[in-house]
Structure formats: C-alpha cells, structure tokens
Amino acid sequence: MKERFSDKDVPVVASRELNFTKEEESESLVEFAQRIQTISGDGFAHADTTTRNQITTETFLQGCREKMVAHRAMERNP
C-alpha cells in the first residue's frame, strides 16, 4: 500500500479496504483474523496499539461469516 499511496492516504485506503473485508468461505477464523491484522497493521502503523486492536476487532466481528459467534463475542466484551 505504501508504494502506491502517500503516507497520509494509507489509513484512508486501509479503512476502505477493511470496510469491505469479509471472511471467505474457504478461510478459517484464524486466517481471516491474520488477514485483518495485516491490513490494519500496514494501514494504521502510526496508530497506538489500542486503536489498532479496536479497528481489527470491529472489522473481524463485522466480517465474520458465523454471525452467532460474532454476536456472542460482542455481548461478552463490547
């Protein structure tokens, strides 16, 4: 991402990409989480860890195919 966009554009591009990131049918939950962590780590490298974790968690829950699992996770730790 950094090669294609200026530093100030990287978080915007990452945010857009994360908005459309959904778990693939062939993808395990671990693989999906790793993919989101890579995008958020690259896109929000200058953000603090808490902010990156929040972005990653919200994206994971929104993109998870197993909606009951995501719903239970949100209820336990919103």
PDB file of N, CA and C in Angstrom:
ATOM      1  N   MET A   1       0.810  -1.184   0.000  1.00  0.00           N
ATOM      2  CA  MET A   1       0.000   0.000   0.000  1.00  0.00           C
ATOM      3  C   MET A   1       0.862   1.260   0.000  1.00  0.00           C
ATOM      4  N   LYS A   2       1.919   1.228   0.774  1.00  0.00           N
ATOM      5  CA  LYS A   2       2.748   2.414   0.941  1.00  0.00           C
ATOM      6  C   LYS A   2       3.411   2.837  -0.361  1.00  0.00           C
ATOM      7  N   GLU A   3       3.671   1.877  -1.257  1.00  0.00           N
ATOM      8  CA  GLU A   3       4.300   2.214  -2.519  1.00  0.00           C
ATOM      9  C   GLU A   3       3.338   2.970  -3.433  1.00  0.00           C
ATOM     10  N   ARG A   4       2.051   2.698  -3.300  1.00  0.00           N
ATOM     11  CA  ARG A   4       1.069   3.277  -4.207  1.00  0.00           C
ATOM     12  C   ARG A   4       0.461   4.581  -3.716  1.00  0.00           C
ATOM     13  N   PHE A   5       0.508   4.829  -2.407  1.00  0.00           N
ATOM     14  CA  PHE A   5      -0.158   5.992  -1.846  1.00  0.00           C
ATOM     15  C   PHE A   5       0.778   6.743  -0.921  1.00  0.00           C
ATOM     16  N   SER A   6       0.529   8.042  -0.764  1.00  0.00           N
ATOM     17  CA  SER A   6       1.340   8.811   0.178  1.00  0.00           C
ATOM     18  C   SER A   6       1.003   8.374   1.597  1.00  0.00           C
ATOM     19  N   ASP A   7       1.874   8.704   2.551  1.00  0.00           N
ATOM     20  CA  ASP A   7       1.671   8.286   3.938  1.00  0.00           C
ATOM     21  C   ASP A   7       0.328   8.725   4.493  1.00  0.00           C
ATOM     22  N   LYS A   8      -0.135   9.918   4.109  1.00  0.00           N
ATOM     23  CA  LYS A   8      -1.399  10.403   4.652  1.00  0.00           C
ATOM     24  C   LYS A   8      -2.599   9.664   4.067  1.00  0.00           C
ATOM     25  N   ASP A   9      -2.452   9.054   2.896  1.00  0.00           N
ATOM     26  CA  ASP A   9      -3.544   8.322   2.263  1.00  0.00           C
ATOM     27  C   ASP A   9      -3.653   6.875   2.738  1.00  0.00           C
ATOM     28  N   VAL A  10      -2.600   6.327   3.286  1.00  0.00           N
ATOM     29  CA  VAL A  10      -2.578   4.913   3.661  1.00  0.00           C
ATOM     30  C   VAL A  10      -3.698   4.561   4.641  1.00  0.00           C
ATOM     31  N   PRO A  11      -3.929   5.316   5.729  1.00  0.00           N
ATOM     32  CA  PRO A  11      -5.034   4.965   6.633  1.00  0.00           C
ATOM     33  C   PRO A  11      -6.406   5.027   5.955  1.00  0.00           C
ATOM     34  N   VAL A  12      -6.586   5.959   5.043  1.00  0.00           N
ATOM     35  CA  VAL A  12      -7.867   6.075   4.334  1.00  0.00           C
ATOM     36  C   VAL A  12      -8.091   4.847   3.460  1.00  0.00           C
ATOM     37  N   VAL A  13      -7.070   4.448   2.740  1.00  0.00           N
ATOM     38  CA  VAL A  13      -7.162   3.271   1.873  1.00  0.00           C
ATOM     39  C   VAL A  13      -7.387   2.012   2.713  1.00  0.00           C
ATOM     40  N   ALA A  14      -6.662   1.880   3.816  1.00  0.00           N
ATOM     41  CA  ALA A  14      -6.823   0.716   4.694  1.00  0.00           C
ATOM     42  C   ALA A  14      -8.223   0.674   5.281  1.00  0.00           C
ATOM     43  N   SER A  15      -8.740   1.821   5.678  1.00  0.00           N
ATOM     44  CA  SER A  15     -10.087   1.888   6.241  1.00  0.00           C
ATOM     45  C   SER A  15     -11.125   1.424   5.225  1.00  0.00           C
ATOM     46  N   ARG A  16     -10.989   1.876   3.996  1.00  0.00           N
ATOM     47  CA  ARG A  16     -11.906   1.435   2.933  1.00  0.00           C
ATOM     48  C   ARG A  16     -11.796  -0.067   2.700  1.00  0.00           C
ATOM     49  N   GLU A  17     -10.568  -0.543   2.655  1.00  0.00           N
ATOM     50  CA  GLU A  17     -10.361  -1.978   2.426  1.00  0.00           C
ATOM     51  C   GLU A  17     -10.974  -2.797   3.558  1.00  0.00           C
ATOM     52  N   LEU A  18     -10.789  -2.353   4.792  1.00  0.00           N
ATOM     53  CA  LEU A  18     -11.345  -3.074   5.937  1.00  0.00           C
ATOM     54  C   LEU A  18     -12.871  -3.056   5.928  1.00  0.00           C
ATOM     55  N   ASN A  19     -13.468  -1.974   5.435  1.00  0.00           N
ATOM     56  CA  ASN A  19     -14.931  -1.896   5.365  1.00  0.00           C
ATOM     57  C   ASN A  19     -15.521  -2.979   4.471  1.00  0.00           C
ATOM     58  N   PHE A  20     -14.751  -3.424   3.487  1.00  0.00           N
ATOM     59  CA  PHE A  20     -15.241  -4.431   2.549  1.00  0.00           C
ATOM     60  C   PHE A  20     -14.648  -5.817   2.798  1.00  0.00           C
ATOM     61  N   THR A  21     -13.900  -5.969   3.874  1.00  0.00           N
ATOM     62  CA  THR A  21     -13.250  -7.244   4.164  1.00  0.00           C
ATOM     63  C   THR A  21     -14.233  -8.185   4.848  1.00  0.00           C
ATOM     64  N   LYS A  22     -14.461  -9.309   4.225  1.00  0.00           N
ATOM     65  CA  LYS A  22     -15.354 -10.337   4.756  1.00  0.00           C
ATOM     66  C   LYS A  22     -14.608 -11.668   4.764  1.00  0.00           C
ATOM     67  N   GLU A  23     -15.000 -12.524   5.666  1.00  0.00           N
ATOM     68  CA  GLU A  23     -14.394 -13.855   5.748  1.00  0.00           C
ATOM     69  C   GLU A  23     -14.773 -14.656   4.503  1.00  0.00           C
ATOM     70  N   GLU A  24     -13.778 -15.221   3.854  1.00  0.00           N
ATOM     71  CA  GLU A  24     -14.009 -16.067   2.682  1.00  0.00           C
ATOM     72  C   GLU A  24     -14.509 -17.432   3.140  1.00  0.00           C
ATOM     73  N   GLU A  25     -15.269 -18.115   2.281  1.00  0.00           N
ATOM     74  CA  GLU A  25     -15.795 -19.432   2.645  1.00  0.00           C
ATOM     75  C   GLU A  25     -14.694 -20.435   2.932  1.00  0.00           C
ATOM     76  N   SER A  26     -13.611 -20.348   2.201  1.00  0.00           N
ATOM     77  CA  SER A  26     -12.519 -21.313   2.359  1.00  0.00           C
ATOM     78  C   SER A  26     -11.542 -20.912   3.460  1.00  0.00           C
ATOM     79  N   GLU A  27     -11.804 -19.811   4.121  1.00  0.00           N
ATOM     80  CA  GLU A  27     -10.873 -19.234   5.091  1.00  0.00           C
ATOM     81  C   GLU A  27     -11.268 -19.616   6.521  1.00  0.00           C
ATOM     82  N   SER A  28     -10.293 -20.003   7.325  1.00  0.00           N
ATOM     83  CA  SER A  28     -10.566 -20.267   8.741  1.00  0.00           C
ATOM     84  C   SER A  28     -10.649 -18.939   9.484  1.00  0.00           C
ATOM     85  N   LEU A  29     -11.176 -18.976  10.702  1.00  0.00           N
ATOM     86  CA  LEU A  29     -11.248 -17.754  11.514  1.00  0.00           C
ATOM     87  C   LEU A  29      -9.857 -17.195  11.797  1.00  0.00           C
ATOM     88  N   VAL A  30      -8.892 -18.082  11.991  1.00  0.00           N
ATOM     89  CA  VAL A  30      -7.516 -17.648  12.255  1.00  0.00           C
ATOM     90  C   VAL A  30      -6.942 -16.943  11.028  1.00  0.00           C
ATOM     91  N   GLU A  31      -7.147 -17.516   9.851  1.00  0.00           N
ATOM     92  CA  GLU A  31      -6.651 -16.897   8.617  1.00  0.00           C
ATOM     93  C   GLU A  31      -7.310 -15.535   8.384  1.00  0.00           C
ATOM     94  N   PHE A  32      -8.611 -15.466   8.643  1.00  0.00           N
ATOM     95  CA  PHE A  32      -9.338 -14.209   8.494  1.00  0.00           C
ATOM     96  C   PHE A  32      -8.788 -13.155   9.454  1.00  0.00           C
ATOM     97  N   ALA A  33      -8.572 -13.536  10.697  1.00  0.00           N
ATOM     98  CA  ALA A  33      -8.018 -12.605  11.694  1.00  0.00           C
ATOM     99  C   ALA A  33      -6.629 -12.130  11.281  1.00  0.00           C
ATOM    100  N   GLN A  34      -5.810 -13.029  10.769  1.00  0.00           N
ATOM    101  CA  GLN A  34      -4.459 -12.653  10.335  1.00  0.00           C
ATOM    102  C   GLN A  34      -4.502 -11.683   9.160  1.00  0.00           C
ATOM    103  N   ARG A  35      -5.438 -11.902   8.257  1.00  0.00           N
ATOM    104  CA  ARG A  35      -5.570 -11.010   7.094  1.00  0.00           C
ATOM    105  C   ARG A  35      -5.959  -9.597   7.547  1.00  0.00           C
ATOM    106  N   ILE A  36      -6.882  -9.518   8.488  1.00  0.00           N
ATOM    107  CA  ILE A  36      -7.296  -8.216   9.017  1.00  0.00           C
ATOM    108  C   ILE A  36      -6.145  -7.553   9.768  1.00  0.00           C
ATOM    109  N   GLN A  37      -5.415  -8.332  10.554  1.00  0.00           N
ATOM    110  CA  GLN A  37      -4.282  -7.769  11.297  1.00  0.00           C
ATOM    111  C   GLN A  37      -3.223  -7.210  10.351  1.00  0.00           C
ATOM    112  N   THR A  38      -2.998  -7.875   9.244  1.00  0.00           N
ATOM    113  CA  THR A  38      -2.020  -7.395   8.265  1.00  0.00           C
ATOM    114  C   THR A  38      -2.460  -6.062   7.668  1.00  0.00           C
ATOM    115  N   ILE A  39      -3.720  -5.981   7.273  1.00  0.00           N
ATOM    116  CA  ILE A  39      -4.234  -4.744   6.677  1.00  0.00           C
ATOM    117  C   ILE A  39      -4.191  -3.605   7.691  1.00  0.00           C
ATOM    118  N   SER A  40      -4.662  -3.857   8.905  1.00  0.00           N
ATOM    119  CA  SER A  40      -4.692  -2.784   9.910  1.00  0.00           C
ATOM    120  C   SER A  40      -3.286  -2.428  10.381  1.00  0.00           C
ATOM    121  N   GLY A  41      -2.399  -3.403  10.454  1.00  0.00           N
ATOM    122  CA  GLY A  41      -1.019  -3.120  10.844  1.00  0.00           C
ATOM    123  C   GLY A  41      -0.303  -2.250   9.828  1.00  0.00           C
ATOM    124  N   ASP A  42      -0.519  -2.544   8.541  1.00  0.00           N
ATOM    125  CA  ASP A  42       0.081  -1.741   7.473  1.00  0.00           C
ATOM    126  C   ASP A  42      -0.575  -0.364   7.375  1.00  0.00           C
ATOM    127  N   GLY A  43      -1.886  -0.347   7.470  1.00  0.00           N
ATOM    128  CA  GLY A  43      -2.622   0.892   7.256  1.00  0.00           C
ATOM    129  C   GLY A  43      -2.618   1.858   8.420  1.00  0.00           C
ATOM    130  N   PHE A  44      -2.470   1.314   9.615  1.00  0.00           N
ATOM    131  CA  PHE A  44      -2.521   2.155  10.812  1.00  0.00           C
ATOM    132  C   PHE A  44      -1.256   1.986  11.644  1.00  0.00           C
ATOM    133  N   ALA A  45      -0.133   1.935  10.959  1.00  0.00           N
ATOM    134  CA  ALA A  45       1.155   1.715  11.629  1.00  0.00           C
ATOM    135  C   ALA A  45       1.479   2.801  12.645  1.00  0.00           C
ATOM    136  N   HIS A  46       0.992   4.005  12.414  1.00  0.00           N
ATOM    137  CA  HIS A  46       1.297   5.118  13.319  1.00  0.00           C
ATOM    138  C   HIS A  46       0.291   5.242  14.462  1.00  0.00           C
ATOM    139  N   ALA A  47      -0.773   4.454  14.425  1.00  0.00           N
ATOM    140  CA  ALA A  47      -1.774   4.497  15.496  1.00  0.00           C
ATOM    141  C   ALA A  47      -1.272   3.696  16.697  1.00  0.00           C
ATOM    142  N   ASP A  48      -1.805   4.024  17.866  1.00  0.00           N
ATOM    143  CA  ASP A  48      -1.403   3.272  19.055  1.00  0.00           C
ATOM    144  C   ASP A  48      -2.027   1.877  19.013  1.00  0.00           C
ATOM    145  N   THR A  49      -1.480   0.989  19.815  1.00  0.00           N
ATOM    146  CA  THR A  49      -1.901  -0.415  19.821  1.00  0.00           C
ATOM    147  C   THR A  49      -3.378  -0.569  20.149  1.00  0.00           C
ATOM    148  N   THR A  50      -3.875   0.206  21.095  1.00  0.00           N
ATOM    149  CA  THR A  50      -5.284   0.112  21.486  1.00  0.00           C
ATOM    150  C   THR A  50      -6.193   0.439  20.308  1.00  0.00           C
ATOM    151  N   THR A  51      -5.869   1.480  19.585  1.00  0.00           N
ATOM    152  CA  THR A  51      -6.673   1.872  18.424  1.00  0.00           C
ATOM    153  C   THR A  51      -6.629   0.800  17.349  1.00  0.00           C
ATOM    154  N   ARG A  52      -5.439   0.290  17.050  1.00  0.00           N
ATOM    155  CA  ARG A  52      -5.309  -0.782  16.046  1.00  0.00           C
ATOM    156  C   ARG A  52      -6.098  -2.018  16.460  1.00  0.00           C
ATOM    157  N   ASN A  53      -6.027  -2.384  17.737  1.00  0.00           N
ATOM    158  CA  ASN A  53      -6.771  -3.554  18.219  1.00  0.00           C
ATOM    159  C   ASN A  53      -8.274  -3.350  18.090  1.00  0.00           C
ATOM    160  N   GLN A  54      -8.747  -2.150  18.381  1.00  0.00           N
ATOM    161  CA  GLN A  54     -10.172  -1.856  18.271  1.00  0.00           C
ATOM    162  C   GLN A  54     -10.634  -1.952  16.813  1.00  0.00           C
ATOM    163  N   ILE A  55      -9.862  -1.380  15.909  1.00  0.00           N
ATOM    164  CA  ILE A  55     -10.191  -1.437  14.482  1.00  0.00           C
ATOM    165  C   ILE A  55     -10.208  -2.888  14.006  1.00  0.00           C
ATOM    166  N   THR A  56      -9.205  -3.643  14.399  1.00  0.00           N
ATOM    167  CA  THR A  56      -9.097  -5.047  13.998  1.00  0.00           C
ATOM    168  C   THR A  56     -10.264  -5.862  14.535  1.00  0.00           C
ATOM    169  N   THR A  57     -10.598  -5.673  15.795  1.00  0.00           N
ATOM    170  CA  THR A  57     -11.690  -6.421  16.424  1.00  0.00           C
ATOM    171  C   THR A  57     -13.025  -6.103  15.768  1.00  0.00           C
ATOM    172  N   GLU A  58     -13.310  -4.831  15.553  1.00  0.00           N
ATOM    173  CA  GLU A  58     -14.577  -4.440  14.926  1.00  0.00           C
ATOM    174  C   GLU A  58     -14.693  -4.997  13.512  1.00  0.00           C
ATOM    175  N   THR A  59     -13.602  -4.949  12.765  1.00  0.00           N
ATOM    176  CA  THR A  59     -13.614  -5.484  11.402  1.00  0.00           C
ATOM    177  C   THR A  59     -13.840  -6.989  11.421  1.00  0.00           C
ATOM    178  N   PHE A  60     -13.178  -7.679  12.348  1.00  0.00           N
ATOM    179  CA  PHE A  60     -13.342  -9.131  12.462  1.00  0.00           C
ATOM    180  C   PHE A  60     -14.801  -9.481  12.742  1.00  0.00           C
ATOM    181  N   LEU A  61     -15.398  -8.809  13.713  1.00  0.00           N
ATOM    182  CA  LEU A  61     -16.774  -9.115  14.091  1.00  0.00           C
ATOM    183  C   LEU A  61     -17.751  -8.796  12.966  1.00  0.00           C
ATOM    184  N   GLN A  62     -17.534  -7.723  12.250  1.00  0.00           N
ATOM    185  CA  GLN A  62     -18.427  -7.349  11.151  1.00  0.00           C
ATOM    186  C   GLN A  62     -18.276  -8.268   9.945  1.00  0.00           C
ATOM    187  N   GLY A  63     -17.075  -8.779   9.721  1.00  0.00           N
ATOM    188  CA  GLY A  63     -16.830  -9.594   8.537  1.00  0.00           C
ATOM    189  C   GLY A  63     -16.945 -11.087   8.755  1.00  0.00           C
ATOM    190  N   CYS A  64     -17.161 -11.489   9.987  1.00  0.00           N
ATOM    191  CA  CYS A  64     -17.247 -12.909  10.339  1.00  0.00           C
ATOM    192  C   CYS A  64     -18.501 -13.539   9.729  1.00  0.00           C
ATOM    193  N   ARG A  65     -18.343 -14.679   9.068  1.00  0.00           N
ATOM    194  CA  ARG A  65     -19.486 -15.379   8.470  1.00  0.00           C
ATOM    195  C   ARG A  65     -20.401 -15.971   9.527  1.00  0.00           C
ATOM    196  N   GLU A  66     -19.832 -16.389  10.642  1.00  0.00           N
ATOM    197  CA  GLU A  66     -20.618 -17.003  11.713  1.00  0.00           C
ATOM    198  C   GLU A  66     -21.158 -15.897  12.616  1.00  0.00           C
ATOM    199  N   LYS A  67     -22.323 -15.386  12.258  1.00  0.00           N
ATOM    200  CA  LYS A  67     -22.884 -14.224  12.944  1.00  0.00           C
ATOM    201  C   LYS A  67     -23.205 -14.508  14.410  1.00  0.00           C
ATOM    202  N   MET A  68     -23.565 -15.724  14.739  1.00  0.00           N
ATOM    203  CA  MET A  68     -23.849 -16.054  16.145  1.00  0.00           C
ATOM    204  C   MET A  68     -22.581 -15.955  16.982  1.00  0.00           C
ATOM    205  N   VAL A  69     -21.466 -16.398  16.448  1.00  0.00           N
ATOM    206  CA  VAL A  69     -20.186 -16.306  17.151  1.00  0.00           C
ATOM    207  C   VAL A  69     -19.823 -14.841  17.358  1.00  0.00           C
ATOM    208  N   ALA A  70     -19.970 -14.040  16.326  1.00  0.00           N
ATOM    209  CA  ALA A  70     -19.662 -12.610  16.430  1.00  0.00           C
ATOM    210  C   ALA A  70     -20.589 -11.932  17.428  1.00  0.00           C
ATOM    211  N   HIS A  71     -21.863 -12.278  17.390  1.00  0.00           N
ATOM    212  CA  HIS A  71     -22.837 -11.680  18.306  1.00  0.00           C
ATOM    213  C   HIS A  71     -22.501 -12.025  19.754  1.00  0.00           C
ATOM    214  N   ARG A  72     -22.164 -13.276  20.014  1.00  0.00           N
ATOM    215  CA  ARG A  72     -21.789 -13.681  21.383  1.00  0.00           C
ATOM    216  C   ARG A  72     -20.531 -12.958  21.845  1.00  0.00           C
ATOM    217  N   ALA A  73     -19.581 -12.813  20.956  1.00  0.00           N
ATOM    218  CA  ALA A  73     -18.339 -12.118  21.311  1.00  0.00           C
ATOM    219  C   ALA A  73     -18.613 -10.659  21.650  1.00  0.00           C
ATOM    220  N   MET A  74     -19.485 -10.016  20.899  1.00  0.00           N
ATOM    221  CA  MET A  74     -19.818  -8.618  21.179  1.00  0.00           C
ATOM    222  C   MET A  74     -20.556  -8.483  22.507  1.00  0.00           C
ATOM    223  N   GLU A  75     -21.417  -9.435  22.822  1.00  0.00           N
ATOM    224  CA  GLU A  75     -22.149  -9.389  24.093  1.00  0.00           C
ATOM    225  C   GLU A  75     -21.214  -9.560  25.277  1.00  0.00           C
ATOM    226  N   ARG A  76     -20.215 -10.399  25.130  1.00  0.00           N
ATOM    227  CA  ARG A  76     -19.284 -10.671  26.231  1.00  0.00           C
ATOM    228  C   ARG A  76     -18.330  -9.523  26.473  1.00  0.00           C
ATOM    229  N   ASN A  77     -17.885  -8.871  25.393  1.00  0.00           N
ATOM    230  CA  ASN A  77     -16.893  -7.811  25.530  1.00  0.00           C
ATOM    231  C   ASN A  77     -17.118  -6.756  24.446  1.00  0.00           C
ATOM    232  N   PRO A  78     -18.080  -5.868  24.659  1.00  0.00           N
ATOM    233  CA  PRO A  78     -18.418  -4.892  23.612  1.00  0.00           C
ATOM    234  C   PRO A  78     -17.295  -3.920  23.324  1.00  0.00           C
TER     235      PRO A  78
END
